Amino acid sequence: MNDAVLAGKTILVTGAGGGIGSEICREVARLGARLVMTDVVTKAEAEAADLAATFMPLDVTRADDWERVAGRVERECGALHGLVNSAGMAGVVAFLLSDAARFVNGVEIPVDDGFTAKAQ
């Protein structure tokens, strides 16, 4: 495969500070993309500098964060060509000790203004 297959493309990765997210970022950068790394933890900011990427703080559960990041990406990078959702949840739901309603509420993550992804 061509190592520059993503050259000229802007790719946003959520959860860039985690193990899986950071590995995805390294691969996306290796493939030549303009990389936008996002996370609620700022340790990804140092890695972004190492990868010549842009870091933007983002809490994927907040619609206003998505709006801010989308606007900034558009202003600084132009079109967004790809999105990799690698963000996870920091909270732990005691699965065996909770009822179905509490468990579902514990894993509900808004993914878009007005739309919500939910465990079924």
PDB file of N, CA and C in Angstrom:
ATOM      1  N   MET A   1       0.838  -1.177   0.000  1.00  0.00           N
ATOM      2  CA  MET A   1       0.000   0.000   0.000  1.00  0.00           C
ATOM      3  C   MET A   1       0.886   1.245   0.000  1.00  0.00           C
ATOM      4  N   ASN A   2       0.424   2.273  -0.709  1.00  0.00           N
ATOM      5  CA  ASN A   2       1.122   3.533  -0.768  1.00  0.00           C
ATOM      6  C   ASN A   2       1.160   4.171   0.612  1.00  0.00           C
ATOM      7  N   ASP A   3       2.347   4.517   1.088  1.00  0.00           N
ATOM      8  CA  ASP A   3       2.478   5.094   2.429  1.00  0.00           C
ATOM      9  C   ASP A   3       1.858   6.479   2.543  1.00  0.00           C
ATOM     10  N   ALA A   4       1.599   7.143   1.422  1.00  0.00           N
ATOM     11  CA  ALA A   4       1.017   8.485   1.458  1.00  0.00           C
ATOM     12  C   ALA A   4      -0.436   8.465   1.000  1.00  0.00           C
ATOM     13  N   VAL A   5      -1.125   7.352   1.237  1.00  0.00           N
ATOM     14  CA  VAL A   5      -2.500   7.188   0.769  1.00  0.00           C
ATOM     15  C   VAL A   5      -3.442   8.260   1.331  1.00  0.00           C
ATOM     16  N   LEU A   6      -3.118   8.848   2.476  1.00  0.00           N
ATOM     17  CA  LEU A   6      -3.967   9.880   3.065  1.00  0.00           C
ATOM     18  C   LEU A   6      -3.419  11.294   2.854  1.00  0.00           C
ATOM     19  N   ALA A   7      -2.415  11.446   2.008  1.00  0.00           N
ATOM     20  CA  ALA A   7      -1.826  12.762   1.755  1.00  0.00           C
ATOM     21  C   ALA A   7      -2.903  13.728   1.276  1.00  0.00           C
ATOM     22  N   GLY A   8      -2.909  14.920   1.867  1.00  0.00           N
ATOM     23  CA  GLY A   8      -3.874  15.936   1.486  1.00  0.00           C
ATOM     24  C   GLY A   8      -5.234  15.788   2.138  1.00  0.00           C
ATOM     25  N   LYS A   9      -5.414  14.768   2.956  1.00  0.00           N
ATOM     26  CA  LYS A   9      -6.684  14.533   3.636  1.00  0.00           C
ATOM     27  C   LYS A   9      -6.563  14.953   5.096  1.00  0.00           C
ATOM     28  N   THR A  10      -7.639  15.508   5.635  1.00  0.00           N
ATOM     29  CA  THR A  10      -7.685  15.861   7.051  1.00  0.00           C
ATOM     30  C   THR A  10      -8.486  14.798   7.783  1.00  0.00           C
ATOM     31  N   ILE A  11      -7.861  14.193   8.785  1.00  0.00           N
ATOM     32  CA  ILE A  11      -8.474  13.127   9.574  1.00  0.00           C
ATOM     33  C   ILE A  11      -8.492  13.546  11.036  1.00  0.00           C
ATOM     34  N   LEU A  12      -9.663  13.461  11.675  1.00  0.00           N
ATOM     35  CA  LEU A  12      -9.819  13.787  13.089  1.00  0.00           C
ATOM     36  C   LEU A  12      -9.953  12.485  13.865  1.00  0.00           C
ATOM     37  N   VAL A  13      -9.182  12.356  14.943  1.00  0.00           N
ATOM     38  CA  VAL A  13      -9.231  11.167  15.793  1.00  0.00           C
ATOM     39  C   VAL A  13      -9.632  11.602  17.195  1.00  0.00           C
ATOM     40  N   THR A  14     -10.723  11.016  17.713  1.00  0.00           N
ATOM     41  CA  THR A  14     -11.116  11.260  19.099  1.00  0.00           C
ATOM     42  C   THR A  14     -10.419  10.233  19.995  1.00  0.00           C
ATOM     43  N   GLY A  15     -10.259  10.562  21.259  1.00  0.00           N
ATOM     44  CA  GLY A  15      -9.605   9.626  22.180  1.00  0.00           C
ATOM     45  C   GLY A  15      -8.138   9.434  21.861  1.00  0.00           C
ATOM     46  N   ALA A  16      -7.507  10.468  21.327  1.00  0.00           N
ATOM     47  CA  ALA A  16      -6.120  10.362  20.872  1.00  0.00           C
ATOM     48  C   ALA A  16      -5.128  10.139  22.007  1.00  0.00           C
ATOM     49  N   GLY A  17      -5.538  10.400  23.239  1.00  0.00           N
ATOM     50  CA  GLY A  17      -4.629  10.219  24.366  1.00  0.00           C
ATOM     51  C   GLY A  17      -4.604   8.808  24.916  1.00  0.00           C
ATOM     52  N   GLY A  18      -5.499   7.947  24.448  1.00  0.00           N
ATOM     53  CA  GLY A  18      -5.542   6.564  24.919  1.00  0.00           C
ATOM     54  C   GLY A  18      -4.632   5.669  24.106  1.00  0.00           C
ATOM     55  N   GLY A  19      -4.484   4.446  24.530  1.00  0.00           N
ATOM     56  CA  GLY A  19      -3.595   3.504  23.850  1.00  0.00           C
ATOM     57  C   GLY A  19      -3.991   3.239  22.413  1.00  0.00           C
ATOM     58  N   ILE A  20      -5.249   2.892  22.184  1.00  0.00           N
ATOM     59  CA  ILE A  20      -5.714   2.616  20.824  1.00  0.00           C
ATOM     60  C   ILE A  20      -5.712   3.893  20.000  1.00  0.00           C
ATOM     61  N   GLY A  21      -6.231   4.992  20.578  1.00  0.00           N
ATOM     62  CA  GLY A  21      -6.280   6.265  19.862  1.00  0.00           C
ATOM     63  C   GLY A  21      -4.910   6.757  19.446  1.00  0.00           C
ATOM     64  N   SER A  22      -3.928   6.638  20.326  1.00  0.00           N
ATOM     65  CA  SER A  22      -2.582   7.116  19.985  1.00  0.00           C
ATOM     66  C   SER A  22      -1.951   6.260  18.894  1.00  0.00           C
ATOM     67  N   GLU A  23      -2.217   4.969  18.912  1.00  0.00           N
ATOM     68  CA  GLU A  23      -1.702   4.102  17.837  1.00  0.00           C
ATOM     69  C   GLU A  23      -2.355   4.443  16.499  1.00  0.00           C
ATOM     70  N   ILE A  24      -3.656   4.701  16.523  1.00  0.00           N
ATOM     71  CA  ILE A  24      -4.353   5.109  15.300  1.00  0.00           C
ATOM     72  C   ILE A  24      -3.736   6.407  14.776  1.00  0.00           C
ATOM     73  N   CYS A  25      -3.466   7.347  15.667  1.00  0.00           N
ATOM     74  CA  CYS A  25      -2.868   8.616  15.251  1.00  0.00           C
ATOM     75  C   CYS A  25      -1.509   8.423  14.600  1.00  0.00           C
ATOM     76  N   ARG A  26      -0.681   7.565  15.174  1.00  0.00           N
ATOM     77  CA  ARG A  26       0.641   7.317  14.582  1.00  0.00           C
ATOM     78  C   ARG A  26       0.504   6.745  13.167  1.00  0.00           C
ATOM     79  N   GLU A  27      -0.452   5.846  12.986  1.00  0.00           N
ATOM     80  CA  GLU A  27      -0.651   5.243  11.661  1.00  0.00           C
ATOM     81  C   GLU A  27      -1.219   6.256  10.661  1.00  0.00           C
ATOM     82  N   VAL A  28      -2.187   7.048  11.102  1.00  0.00           N
ATOM     83  CA  VAL A  28      -2.766   8.077  10.228  1.00  0.00           C
ATOM     84  C   VAL A  28      -1.684   9.073   9.810  1.00  0.00           C
ATOM     85  N   ALA A  29      -0.837   9.472  10.745  1.00  0.00           N
ATOM     86  CA  ALA A  29       0.257  10.392  10.418  1.00  0.00           C
ATOM     87  C   ALA A  29       1.236   9.732   9.447  1.00  0.00           C
ATOM     88  N   ARG A  30       1.557   8.468   9.673  1.00  0.00           N
ATOM     89  CA  ARG A  30       2.477   7.749   8.788  1.00  0.00           C
ATOM     90  C   ARG A  30       1.928   7.692   7.364  1.00  0.00           C
ATOM     91  N   LEU A  31       0.610   7.627   7.237  1.00  0.00           N
ATOM     92  CA  LEU A  31      -0.025   7.544   5.926  1.00  0.00           C
ATOM     93  C   LEU A  31      -0.193   8.918   5.266  1.00  0.00           C
ATOM     94  N   GLY A  32       0.339   9.957   5.901  1.00  0.00           N
ATOM     95  CA  GLY A  32       0.437  11.258   5.251  1.00  0.00           C
ATOM     96  C   GLY A  32      -0.711  12.221   5.473  1.00  0.00           C
ATOM     97  N   ALA A  33      -1.646  11.915   6.358  1.00  0.00           N
ATOM     98  CA  ALA A  33      -2.801  12.794   6.576  1.00  0.00           C
ATOM     99  C   ALA A  33      -2.429  14.030   7.371  1.00  0.00           C
ATOM    100  N   ARG A  34      -3.233  15.054   7.214  1.00  0.00           N
ATOM    101  CA  ARG A  34      -3.200  16.178   8.138  1.00  0.00           C
ATOM    102  C   ARG A  34      -4.026  15.714   9.327  1.00  0.00           C
ATOM    103  N   LEU A  35      -3.391  15.510  10.445  1.00  0.00           N
ATOM    104  CA  LEU A  35      -3.988  14.852  11.597  1.00  0.00           C
ATOM    105  C   LEU A  35      -4.461  15.860  12.634  1.00  0.00           C
ATOM    106  N   VAL A  36      -5.715  15.690  13.069  1.00  0.00           N
ATOM    107  CA  VAL A  36      -6.266  16.471  14.176  1.00  0.00           C
ATOM    108  C   VAL A  36      -6.540  15.486  15.307  1.00  0.00           C
ATOM    109  N   MET A  37      -5.799  15.643  16.395  1.00  0.00           N
ATOM    110  CA  MET A  37      -5.924  14.757  17.546  1.00  0.00           C
ATOM    111  C   MET A  37      -6.785  15.435  18.606  1.00  0.00           C
ATOM    112  N   THR A  38      -7.785  14.711  19.128  1.00  0.00           N
ATOM    113  CA  THR A  38      -8.651  15.277  20.159  1.00  0.00           C
ATOM    114  C   THR A  38      -8.750  14.333  21.342  1.00  0.00           C
ATOM    115  N   ASP A  39      -8.960  14.927  22.504  1.00  0.00           N
ATOM    116  CA  ASP A  39      -9.162  14.141  23.724  1.00  0.00           C
ATOM    117  C   ASP A  39      -9.519  15.090  24.856  1.00  0.00           C
ATOM    118  N   VAL A  40     -10.041  14.535  25.937  1.00  0.00           N
ATOM    119  CA  VAL A  40     -10.286  15.338  27.136  1.00  0.00           C
ATOM    120  C   VAL A  40      -9.017  15.458  27.967  1.00  0.00           C
ATOM    121  N   VAL A  41      -8.084  14.557  27.763  1.00  0.00           N
ATOM    122  CA  VAL A  41      -6.811  14.624  28.476  1.00  0.00           C
ATOM    123  C   VAL A  41      -5.779  15.284  27.571  1.00  0.00           C
ATOM    124  N   THR A  42      -5.018  16.182  28.141  1.00  0.00           N
ATOM    125  CA  THR A  42      -4.094  16.962  27.315  1.00  0.00           C
ATOM    126  C   THR A  42      -2.747  16.284  27.092  1.00  0.00           C
ATOM    127  N   LYS A  43      -2.563  15.061  27.620  1.00  0.00           N
ATOM    128  CA  LYS A  43      -1.285  14.377  27.360  1.00  0.00           C
ATOM    129  C   LYS A  43      -1.116  14.112  25.868  1.00  0.00           C
ATOM    130  N   ALA A  44      -2.214  14.084  25.118  1.00  0.00           N
ATOM    131  CA  ALA A  44      -2.137  13.888  23.667  1.00  0.00           C
ATOM    132  C   ALA A  44      -1.534  15.104  22.975  1.00  0.00           C
ATOM    133  N   GLU A  45      -1.536  16.253  23.656  1.00  0.00           N
ATOM    134  CA  GLU A  45      -0.995  17.472  23.055  1.00  0.00           C
ATOM    135  C   GLU A  45       0.495  17.338  22.755  1.00  0.00           C
ATOM    136  N   ALA A  46       1.251  16.730  23.658  1.00  0.00           N
ATOM    137  CA  ALA A  46       2.688  16.533  23.437  1.00  0.00           C
ATOM    138  C   ALA A  46       2.922  15.575  22.283  1.00  0.00           C
ATOM    139  N   GLU A  47       2.129  14.514  22.213  1.00  0.00           N
ATOM    140  CA  GLU A  47       2.263  13.567  21.111  1.00  0.00           C
ATOM    141  C   GLU A  47       1.887  14.216  19.784  1.00  0.00           C
ATOM    142  N   ALA A  48       0.902  15.109  19.811  1.00  0.00           N
ATOM    143  CA  ALA A  48       0.516  15.825  18.590  1.00  0.00           C
ATOM    144  C   ALA A  48       1.700  16.616  18.050  1.00  0.00           C
ATOM    145  N   ALA A  49       2.443  17.260  18.937  1.00  0.00           N
ATOM    146  CA  ALA A  49       3.622  18.014  18.510  1.00  0.00           C
ATOM    147  C   ALA A  49       4.646  17.080  17.866  1.00  0.00           C
ATOM    148  N   ASP A  50       4.845  15.900  18.450  1.00  0.00           N
ATOM    149  CA  ASP A  50       5.800  14.926  17.894  1.00  0.00           C
ATOM    150  C   ASP A  50       5.386  14.440  16.509  1.00  0.00           C
ATOM    151  N   LEU A  51       4.061  14.397  16.252  1.00  0.00           N
ATOM    152  CA  LEU A  51       3.553  13.893  14.971  1.00  0.00           C
ATOM    153  C   LEU A  51       3.249  15.017  13.978  1.00  0.00           C
ATOM    154  N   ALA A  52       3.611  16.248  14.319  1.00  0.00           N
ATOM    155  CA  ALA A  52       3.281  17.413  13.486  1.00  0.00           C
ATOM    156  C   ALA A  52       1.779  17.479  13.240  1.00  0.00           C
ATOM    157  N   ALA A  53       1.021  17.174  14.285  1.00  0.00           N
ATOM    158  CA  ALA A  53      -0.441  17.177  14.214  1.00  0.00           C
ATOM    159  C   ALA A  53      -0.982  18.363  15.002  1.00  0.00           C
ATOM    160  N   THR A  54      -2.267  18.575  14.885  1.00  0.00           N
ATOM    161  CA  THR A  54      -2.960  19.616  15.646  1.00  0.00           C
ATOM    162  C   THR A  54      -3.715  18.943  16.786  1.00  0.00           C
ATOM    163  N   PHE A  55      -3.584  19.493  17.992  1.00  0.00           N
ATOM    164  CA  PHE A  55      -4.355  18.980  19.124  1.00  0.00           C
ATOM    165  C   PHE A  55      -5.488  19.940  19.434  1.00  0.00           C
ATOM    166  N   MET A  56      -6.687  19.386  19.665  1.00  0.00           N
ATOM    167  CA  MET A  56      -7.840  20.172  20.086  1.00  0.00           C
ATOM    168  C   MET A  56      -8.525  19.440  21.234  1.00  0.00           C
ATOM    169  N   PRO A  57      -8.718  20.116  22.379  1.00  0.00           N
ATOM    170  CA  PRO A  57      -9.453  19.471  23.467  1.00  0.00           C
ATOM    171  C   PRO A  57     -10.887  19.191  23.027  1.00  0.00           C
ATOM    172  N   LEU A  58     -11.386  17.998  23.346  1.00  0.00           N
ATOM    173  CA  LEU A  58     -12.753  17.632  22.958  1.00  0.00           C
ATOM    174  C   LEU A  58     -13.306  16.613  23.937  1.00  0.00           C
ATOM    175  N   ASP A  59     -14.446  16.954  24.522  1.00  0.00           N
ATOM    176  CA  ASP A  59     -15.229  16.007  25.306  1.00  0.00           C
ATOM    177  C   ASP A  59     -16.348  15.549  24.386  1.00  0.00           C
ATOM    178  N   VAL A  60     -16.287  14.307  23.923  1.00  0.00           N
ATOM    179  CA  VAL A  60     -17.244  13.827  22.920  1.00  0.00           C
ATOM    180  C   VAL A  60     -18.676  13.778  23.434  1.00  0.00           C
ATOM    181  N   THR A  61     -18.867  13.939  24.740  1.00  0.00           N
ATOM    182  CA  THR A  61     -20.223  13.918  25.283  1.00  0.00           C
ATOM    183  C   THR A  61     -20.866  15.300  25.279  1.00  0.00           C
ATOM    184  N   ARG A  62     -20.138  16.314  24.829  1.00  0.00           N
ATOM    185  CA  ARG A  62     -20.647  17.697  24.858  1.00  0.00           C
ATOM    186  C   ARG A  62     -20.836  18.242  23.441  1.00  0.00           C
ATOM    187  N   ALA A  63     -22.077  18.549  23.098  1.00  0.00           N
ATOM    188  CA  ALA A  63     -22.390  19.082  21.765  1.00  0.00           C
ATOM    189  C   ALA A  63     -21.649  20.389  21.496  1.00  0.00           C
ATOM    190  N   ASP A  64     -21.514  21.237  22.522  1.00  0.00           N
ATOM    191  CA  ASP A  64     -20.826  22.518  22.309  1.00  0.00           C
ATOM    192  C   ASP A  64     -19.342  22.306  22.013  1.00  0.00           C
ATOM    193  N   ASP A  65     -18.728  21.267  22.555  1.00  0.00           N
ATOM    194  CA  ASP A  65     -17.338  20.942  22.212  1.00  0.00           C
ATOM    195  C   ASP A  65     -17.236  20.529  20.745  1.00  0.00           C
ATOM    196  N   TRP A  66     -18.163  19.697  20.286  1.00  0.00           N
ATOM    197  CA  TRP A  66     -18.170  19.279  18.880  1.00  0.00           C
ATOM    198  C   TRP A  66     -18.298  20.490  17.961  1.00  0.00           C
ATOM    199  N   GLU A  67     -19.193  21.418  18.305  1.00  0.00           N
ATOM    200  CA  GLU A  67     -19.379  22.617  17.472  1.00  0.00           C
ATOM    201  C   GLU A  67     -18.101  23.440  17.423  1.00  0.00           C
ATOM    202  N   ARG A  68     -17.450  23.608  18.581  1.00  0.00           N
ATOM    203  CA  ARG A  68     -16.210  24.378  18.641  1.00  0.00           C
ATOM    204  C   ARG A  68     -15.123  23.723  17.796  1.00  0.00           C
ATOM    205  N   VAL A  69     -14.960  22.414  17.958  1.00  0.00           N
ATOM    206  CA  VAL A  69     -13.914  21.701  17.218  1.00  0.00           C
ATOM    207  C   VAL A  69     -14.216  21.696  15.717  1.00  0.00           C
ATOM    208  N   ALA A  70     -15.468  21.454  15.351  1.00  0.00           N
ATOM    209  CA  ALA A  70     -15.831  21.446  13.923  1.00  0.00           C
ATOM    210  C   ALA A  70     -15.539  22.797  13.285  1.00  0.00           C
ATOM    211  N   GLY A  71     -15.868  23.871  13.987  1.00  0.00           N
ATOM    212  CA  GLY A  71     -15.582  25.203  13.460  1.00  0.00           C
ATOM    213  C   GLY A  71     -14.099  25.455  13.317  1.00  0.00           C
ATOM    214  N   ARG A  72     -13.342  25.040  14.310  1.00  0.00           N
ATOM    215  CA  ARG A  72     -11.889  25.251  14.261  1.00  0.00           C
ATOM    216  C   ARG A  72     -11.252  24.422  13.150  1.00  0.00           C
ATOM    217  N   VAL A  73     -11.698  23.172  12.986  1.00  0.00           N
ATOM    218  CA  VAL A  73     -11.165  22.331  11.906  1.00  0.00           C
ATOM    219  C   VAL A  73     -11.453  22.985  10.558  1.00  0.00           C
ATOM    220  N   GLU A  74     -12.666  23.464  10.384  1.00  0.00           N
ATOM    221  CA  GLU A  74     -13.032  24.090   9.111  1.00  0.00           C
ATOM    222  C   GLU A  74     -12.175  25.328   8.842  1.00  0.00           C
ATOM    223  N   ARG A  75     -11.963  26.156   9.871  1.00  0.00           N
ATOM    224  CA  ARG A  75     -11.158  27.369   9.708  1.00  0.00           C
ATOM    225  C   ARG A  75      -9.690  27.056   9.429  1.00  0.00           C
ATOM    226  N   GLU A  76      -9.138  26.088  10.162  1.00  0.00           N
ATOM    227  CA  GLU A  76      -7.699  25.833  10.083  1.00  0.00           C
ATOM    228  C   GLU A  76      -7.305  24.803   9.030  1.00  0.00           C
ATOM    229  N   CYS A  77      -8.219  23.881   8.716  1.00  0.00           N
ATOM    230  CA  CYS A  77      -7.854  22.757   7.848  1.00  0.00           C
ATOM    231  C   CYS A  77      -8.698  22.664   6.584  1.00  0.00           C
ATOM    232  N   GLY A  78      -9.802  23.370   6.546  1.00  0.00           N
ATOM    233  CA  GLY A  78     -10.714  23.218   5.415  1.00  0.00           C
ATOM    234  C   GLY A  78     -11.603  22.007   5.638  1.00  0.00           C
ATOM    235  N   ALA A  79     -11.794  21.225   4.607  1.00  0.00           N
ATOM    236  CA  ALA A  79     -12.695  20.063   4.670  1.00  0.00           C
ATOM    237  C   ALA A  79     -12.144  18.980   5.587  1.00  0.00           C
ATOM    238  N   LEU A  80     -13.057  18.300   6.265  1.00  0.00           N
ATOM    239  CA  LEU A  80     -12.715  17.120   7.062  1.00  0.00           C
ATOM    240  C   LEU A  80     -13.027  15.902   6.207  1.00  0.00           C
ATOM    241  N   HIS A  81     -12.030  15.045   5.996  1.00  0.00           N
ATOM    242  CA  HIS A  81     -12.189  13.890   5.116  1.00  0.00           C
ATOM    243  C   HIS A  81     -12.454  12.586   5.856  1.00  0.00           C
ATOM    244  N   GLY A  82     -12.143  12.551   7.131  1.00  0.00           N
ATOM    245  CA  GLY A  82     -12.349  11.317   7.884  1.00  0.00           C
ATOM    246  C   GLY A  82     -12.403  11.568   9.374  1.00  0.00           C
ATOM    247  N   LEU A  83     -13.154  10.703  10.063  1.00  0.00           N
ATOM    248  CA  LEU A  83     -13.309  10.781  11.513  1.00  0.00           C
ATOM    249  C   LEU A  83     -13.150   9.378  12.081  1.00  0.00           C
ATOM    250  N   VAL A  84     -12.256   9.249  13.058  1.00  0.00           N
ATOM    251  CA  VAL A  84     -12.073   7.980  13.757  1.00  0.00           C
ATOM    252  C   VAL A  84     -12.486   8.210  15.201  1.00  0.00           C
ATOM    253  N   ASN A  85     -13.557   7.569  15.623  1.00  0.00           N
ATOM    254  CA  ASN A  85     -14.038   7.700  16.999  1.00  0.00           C
ATOM    255  C   ASN A  85     -13.393   6.628  17.867  1.00  0.00           C
ATOM    256  N   SER A  86     -12.395   7.043  18.636  1.00  0.00           N
ATOM    257  CA  SER A  86     -11.698   6.123  19.519  1.00  0.00           C
ATOM    258  C   SER A  86     -11.885   6.513  20.984  1.00  0.00           C
ATOM    259  N   ALA A  87     -12.698   7.522  21.237  1.00  0.00           N
ATOM    260  CA  ALA A  87     -12.909   7.988  22.610  1.00  0.00           C
ATOM    261  C   ALA A  87     -13.642   6.928  23.416  1.00  0.00           C
ATOM    262  N   GLY A  88     -13.224   6.784  24.645  1.00  0.00           N
ATOM    263  CA  GLY A  88     -13.876   5.856  25.565  1.00  0.00           C
ATOM    264  C   GLY A  88     -14.426   6.618  26.752  1.00  0.00           C
ATOM    265  N   MET A  89     -15.016   5.892  27.656  1.00  0.00           N
ATOM    266  CA  MET A  89     -15.573   6.506  28.861  1.00  0.00           C
ATOM    267  C   MET A  89     -14.662   6.225  30.041  1.00  0.00           C
ATOM    268  N   ALA A  90     -14.474   7.243  30.864  1.00  0.00           N
ATOM    269  CA  ALA A  90     -13.629   7.074  32.045  1.00  0.00           C
ATOM    270  C   ALA A  90     -14.394   6.447  33.197  1.00  0.00           C
ATOM    271  N   GLY A  91     -15.692   6.635  33.242  1.00  0.00           N
ATOM    272  CA  GLY A  91     -16.483   6.107  34.339  1.00  0.00           C
ATOM    273  C   GLY A  91     -16.687   4.610  34.201  1.00  0.00           C
ATOM    274  N   VAL A  92     -16.884   3.956  35.300  1.00  0.00           N
ATOM    275  CA  VAL A  92     -17.112   2.518  35.298  1.00  0.00           C
ATOM    276  C   VAL A  92     -18.533   2.259  35.773  1.00  0.00           C
ATOM    277  N   VAL A  93     -19.252   1.452  35.019  1.00  0.00           N
ATOM    278  CA  VAL A  93     -20.606   1.069  35.405  1.00  0.00           C
ATOM    279  C   VAL A  93     -20.514  -0.326  36.017  1.00  0.00           C
ATOM    280  N   ALA A  94     -20.980  -0.473  37.236  1.00  0.00           N
ATOM    281  CA  ALA A  94     -20.955  -1.771  37.904  1.00  0.00           C
ATOM    282  C   ALA A  94     -22.028  -2.648  37.264  1.00  0.00           C
ATOM    283  N   PHE A  95     -21.664  -3.315  36.193  1.00  0.00           N
ATOM    284  CA  PHE A  95     -22.598  -4.076  35.372  1.00  0.00           C
ATOM    285  C   PHE A  95     -23.421  -5.079  36.183  1.00  0.00           C
ATOM    286  N   LEU A  96     -22.780  -5.891  36.950  1.00  0.00           N
ATOM    287  CA  LEU A  96     -23.496  -6.937  37.683  1.00  0.00           C
ATOM    288  C   LEU A  96     -24.319  -6.388  38.843  1.00  0.00           C
ATOM    289  N   LEU A  97     -24.025  -5.178  39.286  1.00  0.00           N
ATOM    290  CA  LEU A  97     -24.731  -4.610  40.425  1.00  0.00           C
ATOM    291  C   LEU A  97     -25.768  -3.565  40.006  1.00  0.00           C
ATOM    292  N   SER A  98     -25.983  -3.377  38.699  1.00  0.00           N
ATOM    293  CA  SER A  98     -26.920  -2.346  38.257  1.00  0.00           C
ATOM    294  C   SER A  98     -28.096  -2.964  37.519  1.00  0.00           C
ATOM    295  N   ASP A  99     -29.196  -2.216  37.505  1.00  0.00           N
ATOM    296  CA  ASP A  99     -30.333  -2.659  36.697  1.00  0.00           C
ATOM    297  C   ASP A  99     -30.127  -2.171  35.262  1.00  0.00           C
ATOM    298  N   ALA A 100     -30.976  -2.616  34.358  1.00  0.00           N
ATOM    299  CA  ALA A 100     -30.808  -2.288  32.940  1.00  0.00           C
ATOM    300  C   ALA A 100     -30.839  -0.790  32.688  1.00  0.00           C
ATOM    301  N   ALA A 101     -31.731  -0.058  33.328  1.00  0.00           N
ATOM    302  CA  ALA A 101     -31.843   1.386  33.097  1.00  0.00           C
ATOM    303  C   ALA A 101     -30.577   2.116  33.519  1.00  0.00           C
ATOM    304  N   ARG A 102     -30.035   1.769  34.683  1.00  0.00           N
ATOM    305  CA  ARG A 102     -28.800   2.424  35.135  1.00  0.00           C
ATOM    306  C   ARG A 102     -27.632   2.075  34.230  1.00  0.00           C
ATOM    307  N   PHE A 103     -27.564   0.833  33.756  1.00  0.00           N
ATOM    308  CA  PHE A 103     -26.474   0.442  32.879  1.00  0.00           C
ATOM    309  C   PHE A 103     -26.544   1.209  31.569  1.00  0.00           C
ATOM    310  N   VAL A 104     -27.719   1.259  30.941  1.00  0.00           N
ATOM    311  CA  VAL A 104     -27.864   1.962  29.659  1.00  0.00           C
ATOM    312  C   VAL A 104     -27.539   3.433  29.830  1.00  0.00           C
ATOM    313  N   ASN A 105     -28.012   4.062  30.897  1.00  0.00           N
ATOM    314  CA  ASN A 105     -27.685   5.462  31.130  1.00  0.00           C
ATOM    315  C   ASN A 105     -26.187   5.651  31.334  1.00  0.00           C
ATOM    316  N   GLY A 106     -25.525   4.671  31.883  1.00  0.00           N
ATOM    317  CA  GLY A 106     -24.082   4.767  32.108  1.00  0.00           C
ATOM    318  C   GLY A 106     -23.275   4.691  30.836  1.00  0.00           C
ATOM    319  N   VAL A 107     -23.812   4.105  29.772  1.00  0.00           N
ATOM    320  CA  VAL A 107     -23.047   3.975  28.538  1.00  0.00           C
ATOM    321  C   VAL A 107     -23.604   4.821  27.400  1.00  0.00           C
ATOM    322  N   GLU A 108     -24.560   5.694  27.716  1.00  0.00           N
ATOM    323  CA  GLU A 108     -25.121   6.586  26.703  1.00  0.00           C
ATOM    324  C   GLU A 108     -24.116   7.684  26.391  1.00  0.00           C
ATOM    325  N   ILE A 109     -23.802   7.845  25.114  1.00  0.00           N
ATOM    326  CA  ILE A 109     -22.833   8.846  24.688  1.00  0.00           C
ATOM    327  C   ILE A 109     -23.435   9.640  23.540  1.00  0.00           C
ATOM    328  N   PRO A 110     -23.647  10.955  23.695  1.00  0.00           N
ATOM    329  CA  PRO A 110     -24.140  11.732  22.568  1.00  0.00           C
ATOM    330  C   PRO A 110     -23.084  11.795  21.469  1.00  0.00           C
ATOM    331  N   VAL A 111     -23.497  11.552  20.249  1.00  0.00           N
ATOM    332  CA  VAL A 111     -22.547  11.594  19.140  1.00  0.00           C
ATOM    333  C   VAL A 111     -22.853  12.708  18.165  1.00  0.00           C
ATOM    334  N   ASP A 112     -23.979  13.362  18.318  1.00  0.00           N
ATOM    335  CA  ASP A 112     -24.328  14.447  17.422  1.00  0.00           C
ATOM    336  C   ASP A 112     -25.410  15.266  18.107  1.00  0.00           C
ATOM    337  N   ASP A 113     -25.512  16.526  17.764  1.00  0.00           N
ATOM    338  CA  ASP A 113     -26.534  17.379  18.358  1.00  0.00           C
ATOM    339  C   ASP A 113     -27.906  16.844  17.977  1.00  0.00           C
ATOM    340  N   GLY A 114     -28.640  16.324  18.923  1.00  0.00           N
ATOM    341  CA  GLY A 114     -29.968  15.791  18.655  1.00  0.00           C
ATOM    342  C   GLY A 114     -30.012  14.292  18.442  1.00  0.00           C
ATOM    343  N   PHE A 115     -28.883  13.667  18.284  1.00  0.00           N
ATOM    344  CA  PHE A 115     -28.837  12.226  18.091  1.00  0.00           C
ATOM    345  C   PHE A 115     -27.998  11.616  19.198  1.00  0.00           C
ATOM    346  N   THR A 116     -28.342  10.442  19.628  1.00  0.00           N
ATOM    347  CA  THR A 116     -27.606   9.780  20.701  1.00  0.00           C
ATOM    348  C   THR A 116     -27.387   8.316  20.354  1.00  0.00           C
ATOM    349  N   ALA A 117     -26.168   7.853  20.555  1.00  0.00           N
ATOM    350  CA  ALA A 117     -25.876   6.434  20.404  1.00  0.00           C
ATOM    351  C   ALA A 117     -26.062   5.801  21.764  1.00  0.00           C
ATOM    352  N   LYS A 118     -26.749   4.689  21.823  1.00  0.00           N
ATOM    353  CA  LYS A 118     -27.040   4.033  23.091  1.00  0.00           C
ATOM    354  C   LYS A 118     -26.807   2.546  22.979  1.00  0.00           C
ATOM    355  N   ALA A 119     -26.336   1.968  24.048  1.00  0.00           N
ATOM    356  CA  ALA A 119     -26.266   0.508  24.099  1.00  0.00           C
ATOM    357  C   ALA A 119     -27.698  -0.031  24.088  1.00  0.00           C
ATOM    358  N   GLN A 120     -27.922  -1.070  23.372  1.00  0.00           N
ATOM    359  CA  GLN A 120     -29.272  -1.649  23.284  1.00  0.00           C
ATOM    360  C   GLN A 120     -29.335  -2.928  24.065  1.00  0.00           C
TER     361      GLN A 120
END
